[in-house]
Amino acid sequence: MQRTISDVMAFVNGRFVPSDICIEGGSIVSVAPAAKLLSAPFLYALPGFTDVHVHLREPGFSYKETIRTGTLAAARGGYTAVCAMPNLNPAPDSVAHLQAQLDIIARDAVIDVRPYGTITVNEAGEALSDMDGMAGKVVAFSDDGHGVQSGDMMRAAMLKAKSLGRLIAAHCEDNRLLRGGCIHDGAWARTHGLKGICAESEWGQIARDLDLVRETGCAYHVCHISTRQSVDLIRKARAEGLDVSCETAPHYLLLTEDDLRDEGRFKMNPPVRQKADRVALLEGLADGTIGMIATDHAPHAAEEKAKGLAGSAMGIVGLETAFPLLYTYLVKQSGIISLERLVALMSAAPAARFGLPAEGLRPGAPANLALWDLDASYKIDPSDFLSMGRATPFEGWQVNGACVETIYRGETVWHKK
């Protein structure tokens, strides 16, 4: 069955062009100049986004999220591919444990889901997982949620990953420096009598790992960076020619400790930091040090997020809000980055780094795209989310940009009612 999407502003070869897009059999047949001159209002056709850092919680924690609800939320946010983090039960540390997750993905996912395998058995940091057995079935290896505390263990993991042609995606966190903290170790924590998490707990382990990358030649990716020191370390490593990349998330680009409230929806790991850290992250986006934006979508049950900053679980949701927030506050209002750059940071760049399809809107490419009304204006309302998680620090924020329809392999997987 053939379908033509007419009179849209399509993102083609890095720029926006008035276009008619013809789809047939799951692929894009043609992208032709629009038959008529576009006049407002019109929709923007963007390539489906790729999020390389998403917690779908299944198997093991389906009371927080399921692969079905998480991928529906992703589709609503314009995503057609996500990489699922491995802190699950059972953790995907062997082919058998991974298969439990793959079976649910095959049954319930509405978009492309690529799982991670763990670096160590049960993410415990004591023995390497079955990286050989899982290599052909996972997008990369990560112990997300836990830093690999032993340098020797990380060295062994890097050597194995290199031999398998796979990426190590590191959650960098030195447990010795956490000291029971719940937010950034800064003025807000001191004023409110809360234990803080120092920046070195992140950047110190990045520095260790970069030394190991120099030694092993492993392809290495740093998850959810939040500090100015992390940006500087990665910038220097890339200038040195190391095969290193990193991601940050919308909350680190838009919030600082000054925005905190003593509510669980402001608690995530790593925590939001100081103004200087946010500025450094934005500079890292501008100069290419930070090559992609991921959400670290981490849903929890309502009761797990209802215990303030000290007692709540760490993690917020982000799939349904990422693009509207970033478009509104980094593109439309401030001009910090261009719309073209934002689209690349959320689609082609992460896909290319993680070896996923990044063909964009062109003839012969898979029909993975989303239609956006960038003029739509509304307030973020968690009660409207498709995700089972509701914890977001952006509740009530005014944004522009609503996803009208998401198409995956030529089929509509989300349509705004």
Protein backbone atom coordinates (compact mmCIF):
# COMPACT_ATOMS: atom_id res chain seq x y z
CA MET A 1 0.00 0.00 0.00
CA GLN A 2 1.35 3.38 -1.00
CA ARG A 3 1.00 6.59 1.01
CA THR A 4 2.07 10.13 0.20
CA ILE A 5 2.71 12.68 2.93
CA SER A 6 2.17 15.97 1.16
CA ASP A 7 3.31 19.51 1.81
CA VAL A 8 5.66 19.04 4.74
CA MET A 9 8.95 20.68 5.62
CA ALA A 10 11.22 17.63 5.49
CA PHE A 11 14.70 17.26 6.96
CA VAL A 12 16.66 16.13 3.88
CA ASN A 13 20.46 15.94 3.73
CA GLY A 14 20.85 18.17 6.76
CA ARG A 15 18.46 20.93 5.76
CA PHE A 16 14.72 21.56 5.61
CA VAL A 17 13.06 21.34 2.21
CA PRO A 18 9.34 21.68 1.30
CA SER A 19 8.58 18.13 0.23
CA ASP A 20 6.14 15.37 -0.62
CA ILE A 21 7.21 12.00 0.81
CA CYS A 22 5.99 8.79 -0.79
CA ILE A 23 6.07 5.58 1.31
CA GLU A 24 5.48 2.03 0.15
CA GLY A 25 6.24 -1.35 1.69
CA GLY A 26 7.98 0.04 4.75
CA SER A 27 10.40 2.20 2.76
CA ILE A 28 10.58 5.71 1.42
CA VAL A 29 10.01 5.58 -2.34
CA SER A 30 10.61 9.23 -3.09
CA VAL A 31 11.17 12.64 -1.52
CA ALA A 32 10.11 15.22 -4.09
CA PRO A 33 9.72 19.00 -4.01
CA ALA A 34 6.31 19.93 -2.62
CA ALA A 35 3.64 20.21 -5.28
CA LYS A 36 2.55 23.55 -3.90
CA LEU A 37 4.07 26.43 -1.98
CA LEU A 38 3.81 25.73 1.73
CA SER A 39 1.77 28.12 3.81
CA ALA A 40 1.33 28.04 7.57
CA PRO A 41 0.38 25.98 9.35
CA PHE A 42 2.44 23.09 8.04
CA LEU A 43 4.08 20.04 9.59
CA TYR A 44 7.77 19.18 9.85
CA ALA A 45 8.87 15.68 8.83
CA LEU A 46 11.82 14.63 10.96
CA PRO A 47 13.74 11.36 10.84
CA GLY A 48 12.81 9.09 13.72
CA PHE A 49 14.93 9.85 16.77
CA THR A 50 17.32 7.33 18.36
CA ASP A 51 17.73 7.24 22.14
CA VAL A 52 20.74 5.22 23.25
CA HIS A 53 19.86 5.38 26.96
CA VAL A 54 16.41 4.17 27.97
CA HIS A 55 15.19 2.05 30.87
CA LEU A 56 12.26 -0.13 29.79
CA ARG A 57 12.30 -2.05 33.10
CA GLU A 58 11.23 -5.40 31.65
CA PRO A 59 11.88 -8.17 32.55
CA GLY A 60 11.88 -7.82 36.31
CA PHE A 61 10.34 -4.45 37.07
CA SER A 62 7.16 -4.25 35.01
CA TYR A 63 5.40 -2.35 37.81
CA LYS A 64 7.57 0.63 36.78
CA GLU A 65 7.36 0.32 32.97
CA THR A 66 6.92 -2.33 30.30
CA ILE A 67 8.43 -2.66 26.88
CA ARG A 68 4.97 -1.97 25.48
CA THR A 69 4.35 1.24 27.47
CA GLY A 70 7.93 2.44 27.14
CA THR A 71 8.03 2.06 23.38
CA LEU A 72 4.63 3.72 23.03
CA ALA A 73 5.97 6.65 25.03
CA ALA A 74 9.03 6.70 22.80
CA ALA A 75 6.89 6.72 19.66
CA ARG A 76 4.90 9.62 21.05
CA GLY A 77 8.17 11.48 21.53
CA GLY A 78 9.19 10.93 17.90
CA TYR A 79 11.58 8.03 18.54
CA THR A 80 11.75 5.02 16.24
CA ALA A 81 14.74 3.34 17.93
CA VAL A 82 15.84 3.01 21.55
CA CYS A 83 18.64 1.15 23.29
CA ALA A 84 17.44 -0.61 26.44
CA MET A 85 19.69 -0.50 29.49
CA PRO A 86 20.53 -3.79 31.23
CA ASN A 87 19.75 -3.22 34.92
CA LEU A 88 16.96 -5.81 34.80
CA ASN A 89 16.02 -9.10 36.47
CA PRO A 90 17.47 -11.25 35.12
CA ALA A 91 20.24 -8.93 33.98
CA PRO A 92 21.26 -9.72 30.39
CA ASP A 93 24.66 -11.17 31.33
CA SER A 94 24.26 -14.42 29.37
CA VAL A 95 22.53 -15.54 26.19
CA ALA A 96 19.76 -17.21 28.19
CA HIS A 97 19.09 -14.14 30.32
CA LEU A 98 19.22 -11.87 27.29
CA GLN A 99 16.73 -14.08 25.47
CA ALA A 100 14.09 -13.38 28.14
CA GLN A 101 14.26 -9.73 27.16
CA LEU A 102 14.44 -10.38 23.42
CA ASP A 103 11.26 -12.46 23.58
CA ILE A 104 9.31 -9.61 25.17
CA ILE A 105 10.74 -7.12 22.67
CA ALA A 106 9.62 -9.29 19.76
CA ARG A 107 6.14 -9.58 21.24
CA ASP A 108 5.45 -6.08 22.56
CA ALA A 109 7.73 -3.37 21.14
CA VAL A 110 6.17 -0.93 18.67
CA ILE A 111 9.54 0.49 17.53
CA ASP A 112 13.10 -0.80 17.20
CA VAL A 113 14.55 -1.84 20.58
CA ARG A 114 18.22 -2.78 20.83
CA PRO A 115 19.27 -4.22 24.20
CA TYR A 116 22.57 -3.76 25.98
CA GLY A 117 24.43 -6.67 27.48
CA THR A 118 26.01 -6.20 30.87
CA ILE A 119 29.75 -5.76 31.30
CA THR A 120 29.82 -7.93 34.43
CA VAL A 121 27.69 -10.75 35.78
CA ASN A 122 24.55 -9.23 37.33
CA GLU A 123 26.33 -5.86 37.11
CA ALA A 124 28.14 -6.85 40.31
CA GLY A 125 31.60 -5.93 39.02
CA GLU A 126 33.19 -9.24 39.99
CA ALA A 127 33.33 -11.30 36.77
CA LEU A 128 32.86 -10.53 33.10
CA SER A 129 29.53 -11.40 31.54
CA ASP A 130 29.27 -13.77 28.56
CA MET A 131 30.30 -11.03 26.19
CA ASP A 132 31.33 -13.54 23.53
CA GLY A 133 27.93 -15.19 23.46
CA MET A 134 25.92 -11.96 23.50
CA ALA A 135 28.01 -9.87 21.10
CA GLY A 136 25.87 -10.54 18.04
CA LYS A 137 22.63 -9.79 19.87
CA VAL A 138 23.39 -6.55 21.76
CA VAL A 139 24.08 -2.99 20.72
CA ALA A 140 26.90 -2.48 23.25
CA PHE A 141 27.98 -3.46 26.76
CA SER A 142 27.16 -1.44 29.87
CA ASP A 143 26.73 -1.86 33.62
CA ASP A 144 24.46 1.18 33.67
CA GLY A 145 23.37 2.14 37.15
CA HIS A 146 26.73 1.00 38.49
CA GLY A 147 30.24 2.19 37.84
CA VAL A 148 32.76 -0.60 37.26
CA GLN A 149 34.81 -0.04 40.39
CA SER A 150 37.83 -2.14 39.49
CA GLY A 151 40.23 -0.74 36.92
CA ASP A 152 41.47 -4.27 36.20
CA MET A 153 37.91 -5.41 35.49
CA MET A 154 37.30 -2.49 33.15
CA ARG A 155 40.56 -3.17 31.36
CA ALA A 156 39.54 -6.79 30.80
CA ALA A 157 36.10 -5.67 29.57
CA MET A 158 37.63 -3.18 27.15
CA LEU A 159 39.99 -5.77 25.70
CA LYS A 160 37.15 -8.22 25.24
CA ALA A 161 34.82 -5.59 23.74
CA LYS A 162 37.54 -4.52 21.31
CA SER A 163 38.07 -8.10 20.16
CA LEU A 164 34.33 -8.38 19.53
CA GLY A 165 33.99 -5.03 17.77
CA ARG A 166 31.61 -3.72 20.39
CA LEU A 167 31.34 -0.45 22.29
CA ILE A 168 31.71 -0.07 26.06
CA ALA A 169 29.09 2.40 27.33
CA ALA A 170 30.19 3.39 30.82
CA HIS A 171 28.17 4.64 33.75
CA CYS A 172 31.00 6.47 35.49
CA GLU A 173 30.57 6.61 39.25
CA ASP A 174 33.14 6.05 41.98
CA ASN A 175 31.28 4.52 44.93
CA ARG A 176 33.96 5.68 47.36
CA LEU A 177 32.96 9.30 46.73
CA LEU A 178 29.16 8.99 46.96
CA ARG A 179 28.92 9.17 50.76
CA GLY A 180 25.16 8.67 50.83
CA GLY A 181 24.48 11.75 48.73
CA CYS A 182 21.21 12.42 46.96
CA ILE A 183 21.84 15.65 45.01
CA HIS A 184 24.85 17.65 43.83
CA ASP A 185 27.31 18.58 46.55
CA GLY A 186 26.75 22.30 46.29
CA ALA A 187 25.10 25.28 47.90
CA TRP A 188 21.56 23.87 47.67
CA ALA A 189 22.56 20.69 49.50
CA ARG A 190 24.31 22.62 52.25
CA THR A 191 21.48 25.11 52.68
CA HIS A 192 18.88 22.34 52.96
CA GLY A 193 20.94 19.95 55.09
CA LEU A 194 21.21 17.19 52.48
CA LYS A 195 24.20 15.00 51.67
CA GLY A 196 25.77 15.82 48.33
CA ILE A 197 27.30 13.85 45.45
CA CYS A 198 30.59 15.41 44.39
CA ALA A 199 31.47 15.99 40.74
CA GLU A 200 34.64 13.91 41.07
CA SER A 201 32.58 10.76 41.58
CA GLU A 202 31.80 11.10 37.86
CA TRP A 203 34.83 12.70 36.26
CA GLY A 204 37.38 10.77 38.30
CA GLN A 205 36.21 7.47 36.84
CA ILE A 206 36.06 8.98 33.35
CA ALA A 207 39.73 9.96 33.73
CA ARG A 208 40.60 6.40 34.80
CA ASP A 209 38.71 4.92 31.87
CA LEU A 210 40.32 7.24 29.35
CA ASP A 211 43.72 6.00 30.48
CA LEU A 212 42.46 2.47 29.85
CA VAL A 213 41.22 3.46 26.41
CA ARG A 214 44.72 4.75 25.61
CA GLU A 215 46.07 1.37 26.69
CA THR A 216 43.51 -0.92 25.05
CA GLY A 217 42.25 1.00 22.00
CA CYS A 218 38.66 0.17 22.93
CA ALA A 219 35.74 2.14 21.48
CA TYR A 220 34.30 3.91 24.51
CA HIS A 221 31.15 5.90 25.23
CA VAL A 222 30.34 7.82 28.43
CA CYS A 223 26.74 7.84 29.59
CA HIS A 224 24.89 10.91 30.91
CA ILE A 225 27.74 13.33 31.60
CA SER A 226 26.86 16.18 33.95
CA THR A 227 30.04 18.03 34.97
CA ARG A 228 32.32 20.58 33.36
CA GLN A 229 35.35 18.44 34.17
CA SER A 230 33.81 15.54 32.25
CA VAL A 231 33.35 17.75 29.20
CA ASP A 232 36.97 18.90 29.38
CA LEU A 233 38.34 15.36 29.75
CA ILE A 234 36.35 14.08 26.78
CA ARG A 235 37.23 17.09 24.64
CA LYS A 236 40.93 16.49 25.21
CA ALA A 237 40.59 12.75 24.60
CA ARG A 238 38.85 13.33 21.29
CA ALA A 239 41.47 15.89 20.25
CA GLU A 240 44.06 13.24 21.03
CA GLY A 241 42.34 10.91 18.57
CA LEU A 242 40.87 8.41 21.03
CA ASP A 243 37.71 6.56 19.92
CA VAL A 244 35.57 8.25 22.55
CA SER A 245 32.04 9.66 22.56
CA CYS A 246 29.54 10.81 25.15
CA GLU A 247 25.94 11.79 25.72
CA THR A 248 24.15 14.19 27.98
CA ALA A 249 20.46 14.53 28.78
CA PRO A 250 17.89 17.35 28.59
CA HIS A 251 17.78 17.87 32.35
CA TYR A 252 21.51 18.64 32.50
CA LEU A 253 21.16 21.12 29.63
CA LEU A 254 18.15 22.93 31.11
CA LEU A 255 18.39 22.67 34.92
CA THR A 256 20.85 23.45 37.69
CA GLU A 257 20.83 22.93 41.44
CA ASP A 258 19.10 26.30 41.72
CA ASP A 259 15.97 24.75 40.20
CA LEU A 260 15.69 21.98 42.81
CA ARG A 261 12.70 21.36 45.03
CA ASP A 262 12.55 18.77 47.77
CA GLU A 263 10.49 16.43 45.59
CA GLY A 264 11.37 13.07 44.12
CA ARG A 265 10.81 14.30 40.57
CA PHE A 266 14.03 16.31 40.88
CA LYS A 267 16.17 13.32 41.86
CA MET A 268 18.25 11.57 39.23
CA ASN A 269 21.69 10.01 38.89
CA PRO A 270 23.93 11.83 38.23
CA PRO A 271 22.28 14.87 39.77
CA VAL A 272 21.84 18.22 38.07
CA ARG A 273 24.86 20.35 38.87
CA GLN A 274 25.85 24.04 38.99
CA LYS A 275 25.44 26.81 36.42
CA ALA A 276 29.07 26.47 35.33
CA ASP A 277 28.47 22.79 34.55
CA ARG A 278 25.40 23.59 32.46
CA VAL A 279 27.36 26.22 30.53
CA ALA A 280 30.16 23.72 29.88
CA LEU A 281 27.69 21.13 28.60
CA LEU A 282 26.17 23.64 26.21
CA GLU A 283 29.66 24.56 25.00
CA GLY A 284 30.34 20.85 24.52
CA LEU A 285 27.27 20.59 22.32
CA ALA A 286 28.39 23.58 20.30
CA ASP A 287 31.91 22.33 19.61
CA GLY A 288 31.00 18.68 19.03
CA THR A 289 32.52 17.25 22.21
CA ILE A 290 29.05 15.99 23.13
CA GLY A 291 27.86 14.11 20.09
CA MET A 292 24.35 13.13 21.07
CA ILE A 293 21.47 13.73 23.47
CA ALA A 294 19.83 10.81 25.28
CA THR A 295 17.01 10.92 27.80
CA ASP A 296 18.05 8.39 30.48
CA HIS A 297 14.30 7.70 30.67
CA ALA A 298 14.07 5.98 34.07
CA PRO A 299 10.48 5.40 35.26
CA HIS A 300 9.55 4.42 38.80
CA ALA A 301 6.30 3.73 40.59
CA ALA A 302 4.63 6.77 42.15
CA GLU A 303 5.35 5.65 45.71
CA GLU A 304 9.05 5.30 44.90
CA LYS A 305 9.20 8.96 43.89
CA ALA A 306 7.07 10.34 46.74
CA LYS A 307 9.72 10.48 49.46
CA GLY A 308 11.47 13.76 48.72
CA LEU A 309 15.05 14.12 47.56
CA ALA A 310 16.57 12.08 50.36
CA GLY A 311 14.25 9.07 50.19
CA SER A 312 13.08 8.75 46.60
CA ALA A 313 14.47 6.45 43.96
CA MET A 314 16.79 8.04 41.43
CA GLY A 315 15.45 8.57 37.93
CA ILE A 316 13.02 10.64 35.89
CA VAL A 317 11.13 10.08 32.65
CA GLY A 318 11.94 11.92 29.45
CA LEU A 319 10.92 10.22 26.21
CA GLU A 320 7.74 12.25 25.71
CA THR A 321 9.25 15.62 26.59
CA ALA A 322 12.82 15.65 25.28
CA PHE A 323 12.36 17.19 21.85
CA PRO A 324 9.71 19.79 22.82
CA LEU A 325 11.86 20.97 25.74
CA LEU A 326 15.07 21.19 23.75
CA TYR A 327 13.39 22.76 20.75
CA THR A 328 11.66 25.37 22.90
CA TYR A 329 14.53 26.37 25.17
CA LEU A 330 17.69 25.71 23.13
CA VAL A 331 16.42 26.48 19.62
CA LYS A 332 13.31 28.66 19.56
CA GLN A 333 13.87 30.90 22.58
CA SER A 334 17.64 31.14 22.91
CA GLY A 335 19.12 30.11 19.58
CA ILE A 336 21.87 28.23 21.41
CA ILE A 337 21.75 25.53 18.74
CA SER A 338 19.94 25.31 15.41
CA LEU A 339 16.98 23.06 14.74
CA GLU A 340 19.11 21.17 12.23
CA ARG A 341 21.76 20.53 14.88
CA LEU A 342 19.18 19.37 17.41
CA VAL A 343 17.69 16.89 14.95
CA ALA A 344 21.15 15.49 14.18
CA LEU A 345 21.98 15.15 17.90
CA MET A 346 18.80 13.12 18.41
CA SER A 347 18.81 11.01 15.25
CA ALA A 348 21.76 10.49 12.90
CA ALA A 349 24.56 11.04 15.42
CA PRO A 350 23.52 8.49 18.07
CA ALA A 351 22.46 5.98 15.43
CA ALA A 352 25.78 6.20 13.64
CA ARG A 353 27.85 5.82 16.81
CA PHE A 354 25.91 2.75 17.93
CA GLY A 355 25.74 1.12 14.50
CA LEU A 356 22.01 1.60 13.96
CA PRO A 357 20.34 2.67 10.70
CA ALA A 358 20.92 6.38 10.14
CA GLU A 359 19.73 6.78 6.60
CA GLY A 360 17.37 9.71 7.17
CA LEU A 361 14.67 10.80 4.76
CA ARG A 362 15.78 9.61 1.34
CA PRO A 363 14.57 7.16 -1.32
CA GLY A 364 15.27 3.57 -0.34
CA ALA A 365 15.61 4.30 3.37
CA PRO A 366 13.30 2.69 5.93
CA ALA A 367 10.18 4.80 6.49
CA ASN A 368 11.06 5.75 10.06
CA LEU A 369 9.94 9.31 10.66
CA ALA A 370 7.75 11.58 12.72
CA LEU A 371 5.51 14.51 11.81
CA TRP A 372 5.70 17.50 14.14
CA ASP A 373 3.58 20.59 14.66
CA LEU A 374 6.24 23.00 15.88
CA ASP A 375 3.70 25.76 16.46
CA ALA A 376 1.70 23.75 18.98
CA SER A 377 2.01 25.29 22.46
CA TYR A 378 1.10 23.52 25.70
CA LYS A 379 2.19 22.82 29.26
CA ILE A 380 3.81 19.52 30.16
CA ASP A 381 1.27 17.42 32.03
CA PRO A 382 2.55 14.08 33.40
CA SER A 383 -1.01 12.76 33.81
CA ASP A 384 -1.15 12.66 30.02
CA PHE A 385 1.98 10.50 29.59
CA LEU A 386 1.86 7.10 27.92
CA SER A 387 4.79 6.03 30.08
CA MET A 388 3.87 4.44 33.40
CA GLY A 389 6.37 6.83 34.99
CA ARG A 390 5.16 10.30 35.89
CA ALA A 391 8.18 11.87 37.61
CA THR A 392 9.47 14.86 35.65
CA PRO A 393 11.04 18.09 36.90
CA PHE A 394 9.49 19.79 33.86
CA GLU A 395 5.87 19.47 34.97
CA GLY A 396 4.06 22.68 34.07
CA TRP A 397 6.75 23.96 31.71
CA GLN A 398 5.40 25.70 28.60
CA VAL A 399 6.74 24.13 25.42
CA ASN A 400 6.33 24.25 21.67
CA GLY A 401 6.30 21.20 19.44
CA ALA A 402 3.83 18.33 19.42
CA CYS A 403 4.37 15.03 17.68
CA VAL A 404 1.36 14.43 15.43
CA GLU A 405 2.32 11.03 14.05
CA THR A 406 5.22 8.58 14.25
CA ILE A 407 5.82 6.09 11.47
CA TYR A 408 8.00 3.01 11.90
CA ARG A 409 8.74 0.81 8.90
CA GLY A 410 5.92 2.50 7.06
CA GLU A 411 3.31 1.84 9.76
CA THR A 412 1.78 4.43 12.05
CA VAL A 413 2.74 3.56 15.64
CA TRP A 414 1.58 6.80 17.25
CA HIS A 415 -1.06 9.28 16.13
CA LYS A 416 -2.22 12.29 18.08
CA LYS A 417 -5.95 12.14 18.70
